[in-house]
N, C-alpha and C. Protein backbone atom coordinates (compact mmCIF):
# COMPACT_ATOMS: atom_id res chain seq x y z
N UNK A 1 -30.98 11.21 -1.08
CA UNK A 1 -30.09 10.41 -1.56
C UNK A 1 -29.54 9.18 -1.17
N UNK A 2 -29.25 8.34 -1.72
CA UNK A 2 -29.04 7.05 -1.65
C UNK A 2 -27.63 6.98 -1.31
N UNK A 3 -26.86 6.65 0.10
CA UNK A 3 -25.70 6.70 0.58
C UNK A 3 -25.01 5.17 0.91
N UNK A 4 -25.90 4.39 0.43
CA UNK A 4 -25.61 2.91 0.85
C UNK A 4 -24.48 2.49 -0.02
N UNK A 5 -24.43 2.85 -1.15
CA UNK A 5 -23.37 2.34 -2.12
C UNK A 5 -22.24 3.35 -2.48
N UNK A 6 -22.41 4.22 -1.65
CA UNK A 6 -21.26 5.51 -2.04
C UNK A 6 -19.74 5.02 -1.63
N UNK A 7 -18.72 5.35 -2.69
CA UNK A 7 -17.30 4.95 -2.37
C UNK A 7 -16.89 5.85 -1.39
N UNK A 8 -16.03 5.29 -0.67
CA UNK A 8 -14.91 6.14 0.16
C UNK A 8 -13.56 5.44 -0.29
N UNK A 9 -12.71 6.33 -0.73
CA UNK A 9 -11.05 6.03 -1.23
C UNK A 9 -10.15 6.83 -0.18
N UNK A 10 -9.50 5.92 0.12
CA UNK A 10 -8.28 6.35 1.02
C UNK A 10 -7.18 6.20 0.06
N UNK A 11 -6.46 7.17 -0.37
CA UNK A 11 -5.32 6.88 -1.09
C UNK A 11 -3.76 6.91 -0.25
N UNK A 12 -2.93 5.75 -0.55
CA UNK A 12 -2.10 5.44 0.12
C UNK A 12 -1.01 5.73 -0.63
N UNK A 13 -0.77 6.76 -1.15
CA UNK A 13 0.63 7.43 -1.90
C UNK A 13 1.54 7.07 -0.98
N UNK A 14 1.55 7.36 0.41
CA UNK A 14 2.79 7.22 1.04
C UNK A 14 3.47 6.29 1.29
N UNK A 15 2.73 5.14 1.11
CA UNK A 15 3.22 3.68 1.08
C UNK A 15 3.86 3.50 -0.41
N UNK A 16 4.06 4.00 -1.19
CA UNK A 16 4.53 3.85 -2.48
C UNK A 16 6.10 3.28 -2.48
N UNK A 17 6.21 2.01 -3.18
CA UNK A 17 7.60 1.65 -3.21
C UNK A 17 7.46 1.07 -4.55
N UNK A 18 8.85 0.91 -4.70
CA UNK A 18 8.97 0.71 -6.62
C UNK A 18 9.04 -0.82 -6.92
N UNK A 19 7.92 -1.40 -6.91
CA UNK A 19 7.70 -2.76 -7.58
C UNK A 19 7.89 -2.93 -8.86
N UNK A 20 7.99 -1.76 -9.39
CA UNK A 20 8.13 -1.84 -10.95
C UNK A 20 9.17 -1.84 -11.37
N UNK A 21 10.29 -1.39 -10.91
CA UNK A 21 11.83 -1.29 -10.84
C UNK A 21 12.36 -2.58 -12.22
N UNK A 22 11.66 -3.77 -11.71
CA UNK A 22 12.38 -4.89 -12.28
C UNK A 22 11.52 -5.19 -13.50
N UNK A 23 10.52 -5.20 -13.64
CA UNK A 23 9.86 -5.23 -15.20
C UNK A 23 10.10 -3.87 -15.87
N UNK A 24 10.17 -2.93 -15.23
CA UNK A 24 11.08 -1.53 -16.01
C UNK A 24 11.94 -2.11 -16.84
N UNK A 25 13.07 -2.30 -15.76
CA UNK A 25 14.41 -2.39 -16.43
C UNK A 25 14.31 -3.68 -17.73
N UNK A 26 13.40 -4.78 -17.53
CA UNK A 26 13.05 -5.81 -18.55
C UNK A 26 12.80 -5.14 -19.75
N UNK A 27 11.73 -4.37 -19.63
CA UNK A 27 10.92 -4.11 -20.91
C UNK A 27 12.04 -2.91 -21.36
N UNK A 28 12.72 -2.24 -20.76
CA UNK A 28 13.63 -1.05 -21.41
C UNK A 28 14.93 -2.27 -22.21
N UNK A 29 15.23 -3.36 -21.39
CA UNK A 29 16.38 -3.95 -22.64
C UNK A 29 15.47 -4.55 -23.82
N UNK A 30 14.56 -5.12 -23.48
CA UNK A 30 13.24 -5.76 -24.99
C UNK A 30 13.39 -4.41 -25.86
N UNK A 31 13.12 -3.08 -25.19
CA UNK A 31 13.00 -2.04 -26.33
C UNK A 31 14.24 -2.26 -26.84
N UNK A 32 15.37 -2.01 -25.98
CA UNK A 32 17.09 -1.84 -26.86
C UNK A 32 17.05 -2.88 -27.73
N UNK A 33 16.76 -4.26 -27.37
CA UNK A 33 16.78 -5.29 -28.36
C UNK A 33 15.93 -4.91 -29.53
N UNK A 34 15.20 -4.38 -29.45
CA UNK A 34 13.77 -4.60 -30.73
C UNK A 34 13.97 -3.02 -31.44
N UNK A 35 14.77 -1.90 -30.64
CA UNK A 35 15.37 -1.09 -31.71
C UNK A 35 16.46 -1.44 -32.58
N UNK A 36 16.99 -2.27 -31.92
CA UNK A 36 18.70 -2.41 -32.40
C UNK A 36 18.20 -3.56 -33.66
N UNK A 37 17.49 -4.59 -33.21
CA UNK A 37 17.13 -5.35 -34.26
C UNK A 37 16.17 -4.97 -35.64
N UNK A 38 15.51 -3.63 -35.34
CA UNK A 38 14.57 -3.10 -36.65
C UNK A 38 15.29 -2.49 -37.55
N UNK A 39 16.42 -1.83 -36.70
CA UNK A 39 17.29 -0.95 -37.49
C UNK A 39 16.93 0.44 -37.06
N UNK A 40 16.44 0.71 -36.01
CA UNK A 40 15.82 1.98 -35.75
C UNK A 40 17.37 2.87 -35.11
N UNK A 41 17.94 1.62 -34.62
CA UNK A 41 19.23 2.38 -34.10
C UNK A 41 19.90 3.00 -35.05
N UNK A 42 20.39 2.65 -36.09
CA UNK A 42 21.02 3.23 -37.51
C UNK A 42 20.31 4.52 -37.92
N UNK A 43 19.10 4.44 -37.81
CA UNK A 43 18.16 5.53 -38.36
C UNK A 43 18.14 6.83 -37.12
N UNK A 44 17.99 6.53 -36.15
CA UNK A 44 17.69 7.54 -34.92
C UNK A 44 19.57 7.77 -34.51
N UNK A 45 20.42 6.70 -34.07
CA UNK A 45 21.53 7.32 -33.67
C UNK A 45 21.50 6.21 -32.37
N UNK A 46 22.86 5.72 -32.00
CA UNK A 46 22.96 5.25 -30.67
C UNK A 46 22.34 5.87 -29.50
N UNK A 47 22.85 7.36 -29.50
CA UNK A 47 22.27 8.06 -27.86
C UNK A 47 20.73 8.19 -27.98
N UNK A 48 19.95 8.66 -29.15
CA UNK A 48 18.58 8.48 -29.03
C UNK A 48 17.77 7.47 -28.31
N UNK A 49 18.50 6.48 -29.07
CA UNK A 49 17.67 4.91 -28.99
C UNK A 49 18.08 4.39 -27.58
N UNK A 50 19.31 4.85 -26.61
CA UNK A 50 19.54 4.51 -25.45
C UNK A 50 18.48 5.27 -24.75
N UNK A 51 18.21 6.35 -24.98
CA UNK A 51 17.76 7.53 -24.14
C UNK A 51 16.26 6.74 -24.20
N UNK A 52 15.47 6.32 -25.28
CA UNK A 52 14.21 6.07 -25.56
C UNK A 52 14.31 4.46 -24.44
N UNK A 53 15.51 3.73 -24.85
CA UNK A 53 15.23 2.56 -23.74
C UNK A 53 15.33 2.68 -22.45
N UNK A 54 16.06 3.75 -21.98
CA UNK A 54 16.30 4.03 -20.43
C UNK A 54 15.09 5.01 -20.18
N UNK A 55 14.27 5.54 -21.01
CA UNK A 55 12.88 6.19 -20.52
C UNK A 55 11.99 4.82 -20.18
N UNK A 56 11.97 3.83 -21.00
CA UNK A 56 11.06 2.82 -20.60
C UNK A 56 10.91 2.67 -19.10
N UNK A 57 12.24 2.60 -18.24
CA UNK A 57 12.23 2.09 -17.18
C UNK A 57 11.26 2.90 -16.13
N UNK A 58 11.54 4.16 -15.95
CA UNK A 58 10.74 4.86 -15.11
C UNK A 58 9.35 4.87 -15.65
N UNK A 59 8.86 4.82 -16.86
CA UNK A 59 7.51 4.86 -17.19
C UNK A 59 6.68 3.89 -16.84
N UNK A 60 7.52 2.34 -16.48
CA UNK A 60 6.91 1.09 -16.00
C UNK A 60 6.79 1.05 -14.76
N UNK A 61 8.17 1.76 -13.97
CA UNK A 61 8.31 1.56 -12.53
C UNK A 61 7.59 2.40 -11.90
N UNK A 62 7.53 3.76 -11.90
CA UNK A 62 6.91 5.09 -11.41
C UNK A 62 5.34 4.73 -11.10
N UNK A 63 4.70 4.21 -11.86
CA UNK A 63 3.32 3.81 -11.57
C UNK A 63 2.86 2.86 -11.04
N UNK A 64 3.72 2.07 -10.11
CA UNK A 64 3.48 0.71 -9.67
C UNK A 64 3.81 0.52 -8.72
N UNK A 65 2.97 0.98 -7.63
CA UNK A 65 3.19 0.78 -6.22
C UNK A 65 2.83 -0.31 -5.92
N UNK A 66 3.62 -0.69 -4.36
CA UNK A 66 2.98 -1.88 -3.62
C UNK A 66 1.40 -1.46 -2.91
N UNK A 67 1.40 -0.40 -2.59
CA UNK A 67 0.09 -0.35 -1.93
C UNK A 67 -0.41 1.55 -2.38
N UNK A 68 -1.51 1.40 -3.04
CA UNK A 68 -1.86 2.86 -3.61
C UNK A 68 -2.88 3.44 -2.98
N UNK A 69 -4.13 2.76 -3.18
CA UNK A 69 -5.15 3.29 -2.57
C UNK A 69 -6.24 2.00 -2.42
N UNK A 70 -7.15 2.38 -1.16
CA UNK A 70 -8.22 1.42 -0.63
C UNK A 70 -9.73 2.21 -1.23
N UNK A 71 -10.59 1.25 -1.49
CA UNK A 71 -12.02 1.74 -1.41
C UNK A 71 -12.70 1.40 -1.20
N UNK A 72 -13.59 1.73 -0.31
CA UNK A 72 -14.78 0.79 0.56
C UNK A 72 -16.22 1.25 -0.20
N UNK A 73 -17.02 0.38 0.18
CA UNK A 73 -18.24 0.66 0.09
C UNK A 73 -19.19 -0.59 0.83
N UNK A 74 -20.56 -0.22 0.80
CA UNK A 74 -21.08 -1.00 1.68
C UNK A 74 -21.00 -2.29 1.84
N UNK A 75 -20.36 -2.74 0.76
CA UNK A 75 -20.44 -4.42 0.65
C UNK A 75 -18.94 -5.12 1.03
N UNK A 76 -17.78 -4.08 0.76
CA UNK A 76 -16.53 -4.67 1.28
C UNK A 76 -15.55 -3.47 0.73
N UNK A 77 -14.47 -4.00 0.68
CA UNK A 77 -13.03 -3.32 0.35
C UNK A 77 -12.47 -3.73 -0.75
N UNK A 78 -11.87 -2.91 -1.59
CA UNK A 78 -11.18 -3.17 -2.75
C UNK A 78 -9.69 -2.78 -2.63
N UNK A 79 -8.67 -3.46 -2.68
CA UNK A 79 -7.50 -2.92 -2.36
C UNK A 79 -6.90 -3.20 -3.75
N UNK A 80 -6.08 -1.82 -4.11
CA UNK A 80 -5.51 -1.88 -5.55
C UNK A 80 -3.87 -1.58 -4.74
N UNK A 81 -3.05 -2.72 -5.67
CA UNK A 81 -1.76 -2.99 -5.09
C UNK A 81 -1.03 -3.53 -6.38
N UNK A 82 0.07 -2.86 -6.82
CA UNK A 82 0.79 -2.92 -8.17
C UNK A 82 0.21 -2.75 -9.32
N UNK A 83 -1.01 -2.07 -9.42
CA UNK A 83 -2.04 -1.87 -10.41
C UNK A 83 -2.75 -2.82 -10.64
N UNK A 84 -3.21 -3.84 -9.80
CA UNK A 84 -4.09 -4.89 -9.50
C UNK A 84 -5.19 -4.70 -8.44
N UNK A 85 -6.19 -5.02 -8.73
CA UNK A 85 -7.13 -4.92 -7.78
C UNK A 85 -7.99 -5.93 -7.27
N UNK A 86 -7.99 -6.14 -5.70
CA UNK A 86 -8.81 -7.32 -5.23
C UNK A 86 -9.55 -6.98 -4.51
N UNK A 87 -10.79 -7.64 -4.18
CA UNK A 87 -12.15 -7.03 -3.66
C UNK A 87 -12.13 -8.42 -2.29
N UNK A 88 -12.41 -7.54 -1.27
CA UNK A 88 -12.82 -8.41 -0.33
C UNK A 88 -13.96 -8.05 0.74
N UNK A 89 -15.09 -8.77 1.24
CA UNK A 89 -16.17 -8.51 1.54
C UNK A 89 -15.92 -8.29 2.93
N UNK A 90 -16.98 -7.32 3.54
CA UNK A 90 -16.77 -6.88 5.00
C UNK A 90 -16.61 -8.20 6.17
N UNK A 91 -17.20 -9.07 5.61
CA UNK A 91 -17.60 -10.42 6.47
C UNK A 91 -16.59 -11.33 6.49
N UNK A 92 -15.50 -10.88 5.51
CA UNK A 92 -14.22 -11.93 5.14
C UNK A 92 -13.23 -11.09 5.82
N UNK A 93 -13.13 -9.81 6.14
CA UNK A 93 -11.83 -9.33 7.12
C UNK A 93 -12.33 -9.25 8.34
N UNK A 94 -11.55 -9.80 9.14
CA UNK A 94 -11.42 -10.27 10.57
C UNK A 94 -10.67 -8.98 11.36
N UNK A 95 -9.60 -8.34 10.44
CA UNK A 95 -8.83 -7.51 11.16
C UNK A 95 -7.74 -6.87 10.26
N UNK A 96 -7.02 -5.87 11.09
CA UNK A 96 -6.02 -5.48 10.35
C UNK A 96 -4.71 -5.60 11.12
N UNK A 97 -3.97 -6.61 10.75
CA UNK A 97 -2.33 -6.93 11.28
C UNK A 97 -1.29 -5.97 11.19
N UNK A 98 -0.94 -5.34 12.40
CA UNK A 98 0.08 -4.37 12.17
C UNK A 98 1.44 -5.07 12.86
N UNK A 99 2.42 -5.17 12.03
CA UNK A 99 3.79 -5.65 12.85
C UNK A 99 4.90 -4.89 12.81
N UNK A 100 5.35 -4.65 14.01
CA UNK A 100 6.45 -3.69 13.90
C UNK A 100 8.06 -4.51 13.81
N UNK A 101 8.84 -4.10 12.95
CA UNK A 101 9.98 -4.73 12.68
C UNK A 101 11.05 -3.77 12.23
N UNK A 102 11.91 -4.23 11.64
CA UNK A 102 13.11 -3.54 11.03
C UNK A 102 13.28 -3.85 9.53
N UNK A 103 13.85 -2.81 8.46
CA UNK A 103 13.81 -3.23 7.14
C UNK A 103 14.84 -4.09 7.20
N UNK A 104 14.90 -5.00 6.56
CA UNK A 104 16.12 -6.36 6.24
C UNK A 104 17.54 -5.54 5.90
N UNK A 105 17.38 -4.37 5.07
CA UNK A 105 18.58 -4.03 4.41
C UNK A 105 19.03 -2.67 5.02
N UNK A 106 18.13 -1.75 5.82
CA UNK A 106 18.71 -0.71 6.36
C UNK A 106 18.26 -0.86 7.78
N UNK A 107 17.69 -1.47 8.47
CA UNK A 107 17.54 -1.84 9.88
C UNK A 107 16.73 -0.60 10.70
N UNK A 108 16.04 0.24 9.37
CA UNK A 108 15.24 0.97 9.78
C UNK A 108 13.79 0.60 10.42
N UNK A 109 13.43 1.64 11.43
CA UNK A 109 12.07 0.66 11.57
C UNK A 109 10.70 0.91 10.81
N UNK A 110 9.86 -0.14 10.86
CA UNK A 110 8.90 -0.23 10.00
C UNK A 110 7.68 -1.04 10.54
N UNK A 111 6.37 -0.51 10.00
CA UNK A 111 5.73 -1.16 10.01
C UNK A 111 4.72 -1.79 8.80
N UNK A 112 4.67 -3.10 9.13
CA UNK A 112 3.84 -3.48 7.92
C UNK A 112 2.39 -4.19 8.42
N UNK A 113 1.53 -3.60 7.41
CA UNK A 113 0.01 -3.76 7.78
C UNK A 113 -0.34 -4.88 6.68
N UNK A 114 -1.19 -5.75 7.11
CA UNK A 114 -1.83 -7.04 6.33
C UNK A 114 -3.21 -6.77 6.98
N UNK A 115 -4.11 -7.32 5.75
CA UNK A 115 -5.53 -7.61 6.28
C UNK A 115 -5.44 -8.94 6.76
N UNK A 116 -6.34 -9.39 7.64
CA UNK A 116 -6.45 -10.76 8.14
C UNK A 116 -7.88 -11.28 7.94
N UNK A 117 -8.09 -12.35 7.16
CA UNK A 117 -9.33 -12.72 6.44
C UNK A 117 -9.55 -13.76 7.11
N UNK A 118 -10.71 -14.64 7.34
CA UNK A 118 -11.46 -15.45 7.48
C UNK A 118 -10.64 -16.93 7.19
N UNK A 119 -10.12 -16.55 5.81
CA UNK A 119 -9.35 -17.71 5.11
C UNK A 119 -7.69 -17.46 5.46
N UNK A 120 -7.44 -16.50 6.28
CA UNK A 120 -5.99 -16.46 6.62
C UNK A 120 -5.49 -17.72 7.63
N UNK A 121 -4.42 -18.19 6.85
CA UNK A 121 -3.90 -19.66 7.99
C UNK A 121 -3.61 -18.97 9.35
N UNK A 122 -3.61 -19.70 10.63
CA UNK A 122 -3.17 -19.43 11.75
C UNK A 122 -1.61 -19.02 11.56
N UNK A 123 -1.13 -18.13 11.99
CA UNK A 123 0.36 -17.44 11.97
C UNK A 123 0.72 -17.34 10.60
N UNK A 124 -0.41 -16.95 9.70
CA UNK A 124 0.21 -16.65 8.03
C UNK A 124 -0.16 -15.34 8.12
N UNK A 125 -0.08 -14.74 7.06
CA UNK A 125 -0.07 -13.31 6.58
C UNK A 125 -1.16 -13.12 5.50
N UNK A 126 -2.00 -12.48 5.88
CA UNK A 126 -3.02 -11.72 4.90
C UNK A 126 -2.44 -11.01 3.83
N UNK A 127 -3.52 -10.53 2.53
CA UNK A 127 -3.18 -9.64 2.01
C UNK A 127 -2.52 -8.04 2.35
N UNK A 128 -1.01 -8.00 1.93
CA UNK A 128 -0.38 -6.77 2.62
C UNK A 128 -1.22 -5.38 1.85
N UNK A 129 -1.46 -4.51 3.19
CA UNK A 129 -2.01 -3.55 2.61
C UNK A 129 -0.66 -2.26 2.24
N UNK A 130 0.35 -2.74 3.14
CA UNK A 130 1.17 -1.67 2.74
C UNK A 130 2.51 -1.66 4.24
N UNK A 131 3.37 -0.67 3.60
CA UNK A 131 4.58 -0.90 4.66
C UNK A 131 5.08 0.83 4.67
N UNK A 132 5.12 0.97 6.15
CA UNK A 132 5.51 2.49 6.60
C UNK A 132 6.45 2.32 7.12
N UNK A 133 7.63 3.42 6.99
CA UNK A 133 8.72 3.81 7.57
C UNK A 133 8.54 4.36 9.16
N UNK A 134 9.06 4.04 10.13
CA UNK A 134 8.60 4.99 11.40
C UNK A 134 10.06 5.09 11.92
N UNK A 135 9.72 6.14 12.96
CA UNK A 135 11.18 6.66 13.75
C UNK A 135 11.66 5.50 14.61
N UNK A 136 12.84 5.83 15.01
CA UNK A 136 13.51 4.84 16.02
C UNK A 136 12.59 4.58 16.92
N UNK A 137 12.82 3.16 17.57
CA UNK A 137 11.91 2.52 18.71
C UNK A 137 10.78 2.46 18.26
N UNK A 138 10.05 2.28 16.94
CA UNK A 138 8.63 2.35 16.43
C UNK A 138 7.91 3.30 16.94
N UNK A 139 8.56 4.43 16.85
CA UNK A 139 7.49 5.73 17.55
C UNK A 139 7.07 6.54 16.15
N UNK A 140 6.00 7.49 16.46
CA UNK A 140 5.63 8.14 15.22
C UNK A 140 6.84 9.12 14.92
N UNK A 141 7.01 9.59 13.53
CA UNK A 141 8.07 10.46 12.94
C UNK A 141 7.09 11.99 13.15
N UNK A 142 5.62 11.86 13.51
CA UNK A 142 5.47 13.27 13.40
C UNK A 142 4.57 13.87 12.33
N UNK A 143 5.16 13.12 11.02
CA UNK A 143 4.81 13.43 9.82
C UNK A 143 3.95 12.40 9.38
N UNK A 144 3.25 11.68 9.94
CA UNK A 144 2.57 10.43 9.35
C UNK A 144 1.34 11.11 8.51
N UNK A 145 1.11 10.50 7.41
CA UNK A 145 0.42 11.26 6.21
C UNK A 145 -1.03 11.01 6.55
N UNK A 146 -2.03 12.02 6.57
CA UNK A 146 -3.42 11.85 6.71
C UNK A 146 -3.86 10.59 6.33
N UNK A 147 -3.44 10.10 5.32
CA UNK A 147 -3.88 8.88 4.51
C UNK A 147 -3.71 7.46 5.43
N UNK A 148 -3.08 7.38 6.18
CA UNK A 148 -3.18 6.48 7.31
C UNK A 148 -3.90 6.67 8.60
N UNK A 149 -4.42 7.91 8.62
CA UNK A 149 -5.39 7.80 9.68
C UNK A 149 -6.65 7.78 8.93
N UNK A 150 -6.90 8.06 7.90
CA UNK A 150 -8.21 7.85 7.04
C UNK A 150 -8.38 6.14 7.03
N UNK A 151 -7.30 5.67 6.84
CA UNK A 151 -7.35 4.13 6.54
C UNK A 151 -7.63 3.38 7.99
N UNK A 152 -7.31 4.03 9.11
CA UNK A 152 -7.68 3.66 10.39
C UNK A 152 -9.09 3.76 10.60
N UNK A 153 -9.38 5.10 10.60
CA UNK A 153 -10.80 5.43 10.79
C UNK A 153 -12.00 4.55 9.73
N UNK A 154 -11.26 4.59 8.58
CA UNK A 154 -12.21 3.88 7.86
C UNK A 154 -12.67 2.17 8.33
N UNK A 155 -11.20 1.67 8.55
CA UNK A 155 -11.60 0.12 9.09
C UNK A 155 -12.32 0.14 10.05
N UNK A 156 -11.93 0.82 11.17
CA UNK A 156 -12.72 1.13 12.56
C UNK A 156 -14.08 1.31 12.23
N UNK A 157 -14.64 2.14 11.18
CA UNK A 157 -15.75 2.72 11.19
C UNK A 157 -16.71 1.41 10.67
N UNK A 158 -16.27 0.13 9.91
CA UNK A 158 -16.97 -0.82 9.64
C UNK A 158 -16.53 -1.93 10.44
N UNK A 159 -15.98 -1.71 11.89
CA UNK A 159 -15.94 -2.70 12.71
C UNK A 159 -14.64 -3.61 12.20
N UNK A 160 -13.87 -3.39 11.75
CA UNK A 160 -12.58 -4.03 11.62
C UNK A 160 -11.59 -3.82 12.97
N UNK A 161 -11.35 -4.88 13.35
CA UNK A 161 -10.71 -4.54 14.69
C UNK A 161 -9.26 -4.57 14.11
N UNK A 162 -8.38 -3.49 14.84
CA UNK A 162 -7.06 -3.10 14.47
C UNK A 162 -5.98 -3.83 15.54
N UNK A 163 -4.98 -4.36 15.13
CA UNK A 163 -3.98 -5.15 15.80
C UNK A 163 -3.44 -4.09 16.98
N UNK A 164 -3.14 -2.90 16.52
CA UNK A 164 -2.50 -1.81 17.40
C UNK A 164 -3.13 -0.83 17.45
N UNK A 165 -4.30 -0.89 18.23
CA UNK A 165 -5.10 0.42 18.39
C UNK A 165 -4.77 1.63 19.49
N UNK A 166 -3.43 1.51 20.21
CA UNK A 166 -3.06 2.51 20.63
C UNK A 166 -2.23 3.24 19.65
N UNK A 167 -1.28 2.64 18.79
CA UNK A 167 -0.68 3.24 17.61
C UNK A 167 -1.90 3.84 16.99
N UNK A 168 -2.87 3.25 16.32
CA UNK A 168 -3.91 3.86 15.53
C UNK A 168 -4.40 5.21 16.02
N UNK A 169 -4.91 5.12 17.45
CA UNK A 169 -5.04 6.08 18.00
C UNK A 169 -4.22 7.52 18.12
N UNK A 170 -2.95 7.14 18.47
CA UNK A 170 -1.79 8.08 18.26
C UNK A 170 -1.70 8.96 16.67
N UNK A 171 -2.08 8.20 15.85
CA UNK A 171 -1.97 8.64 14.44
C UNK A 171 -3.29 9.11 14.10
N UNK A 172 -4.36 8.85 14.75
CA UNK A 172 -5.41 9.61 14.66
C UNK A 172 -5.30 10.98 15.48
N UNK A 173 -4.90 10.83 16.67
CA UNK A 173 -4.90 12.29 17.61
C UNK A 173 -4.05 13.07 16.82
N UNK A 174 -2.81 12.82 15.90
CA UNK A 174 -2.13 13.67 15.35
C UNK A 174 -2.81 14.33 14.40
N UNK A 175 -3.72 13.83 13.65
CA UNK A 175 -4.71 14.48 12.58
C UNK A 175 -5.99 15.02 13.30
N UNK A 176 -6.04 15.55 14.22
CA UNK A 176 -7.08 15.92 14.81
C UNK A 176 -8.44 15.03 15.07
N UNK A 177 -8.25 13.91 14.60
CA UNK A 177 -9.55 12.85 14.50
C UNK A 177 -9.63 11.83 16.15
N UNK A 178 -10.89 11.57 16.01
CA UNK A 178 -11.30 11.08 17.32
C UNK A 178 -10.68 9.86 17.27
N UNK A 179 -10.61 9.21 18.48
CA UNK A 179 -9.92 7.90 18.63
C UNK A 179 -10.67 6.80 18.39
N UNK A 180 -10.12 5.66 18.10
CA UNK A 180 -11.21 4.27 17.88
C UNK A 180 -12.40 4.50 19.06
N UNK A 181 -13.29 3.79 18.74
CA UNK A 181 -14.29 3.59 19.84
C UNK A 181 -13.66 2.37 20.54
N UNK A 182 -13.81 2.32 22.04
CA UNK A 182 -13.22 1.20 22.39
C UNK A 182 -13.81 -0.27 22.28
N UNK A 183 -13.14 -1.21 22.21
CA UNK A 183 -13.41 -2.36 21.94
C UNK A 183 -14.32 -3.26 22.98
N UNK A 184 -14.53 -4.38 23.30
CA UNK A 184 -15.31 -5.15 24.44
C UNK A 184 -13.86 -5.44 25.45
N UNK A 185 -14.40 -5.36 26.73
CA UNK A 185 -13.30 -5.26 27.65
C UNK A 185 -12.73 -6.96 27.50
N UNK A 186 -11.34 -7.00 27.65
CA UNK A 186 -11.06 -8.40 27.37
C UNK A 186 -10.78 -9.24 28.59
N UNK A 187 -11.20 -8.54 29.79
CA UNK A 187 -11.07 -9.17 31.09
C UNK A 187 -12.32 -9.57 31.72
N UNK A 188 -13.38 -8.46 31.31
CA UNK A 188 -14.65 -8.66 31.58
C UNK A 188 -15.67 -9.24 30.62
């Protein structure tokens, strides 16, 4: 069996963020306007019409995550984010940047992961892979999802360097996976 073109998908549902709330609210408002101008409110009543308009918001918002899955094959990586797919060839991916910081709204610790590409400008940010909440002090919570470990293993398996290999090794160990292969000695 030819395995060179087999796909490997890593589901990143744990990185779910509601990027569709704004468009959902706008579509809900447009639905309310359409119902009122078409005369449907008179036929259905105000209550059912409001329920229809309100139901549109979660129908649009819930399936629109910032990051949901990564699919890899022998040629490259496909990142599905906010229901859009973007393809990156392995030779264009130079690393996975991991920036530890705080959420600007809540000051909660978080990890932001972005691909580093050959086209990423110096001090620039590549495509966002996802944002993960962490315990205070940027420590593991102990409940990191298997998808994060699978993502690290997938990228490392294709030779993509990870910016924080110690953090990745702790996540991999939490799921009983082997640590990343040691990289070249930066001193030697």
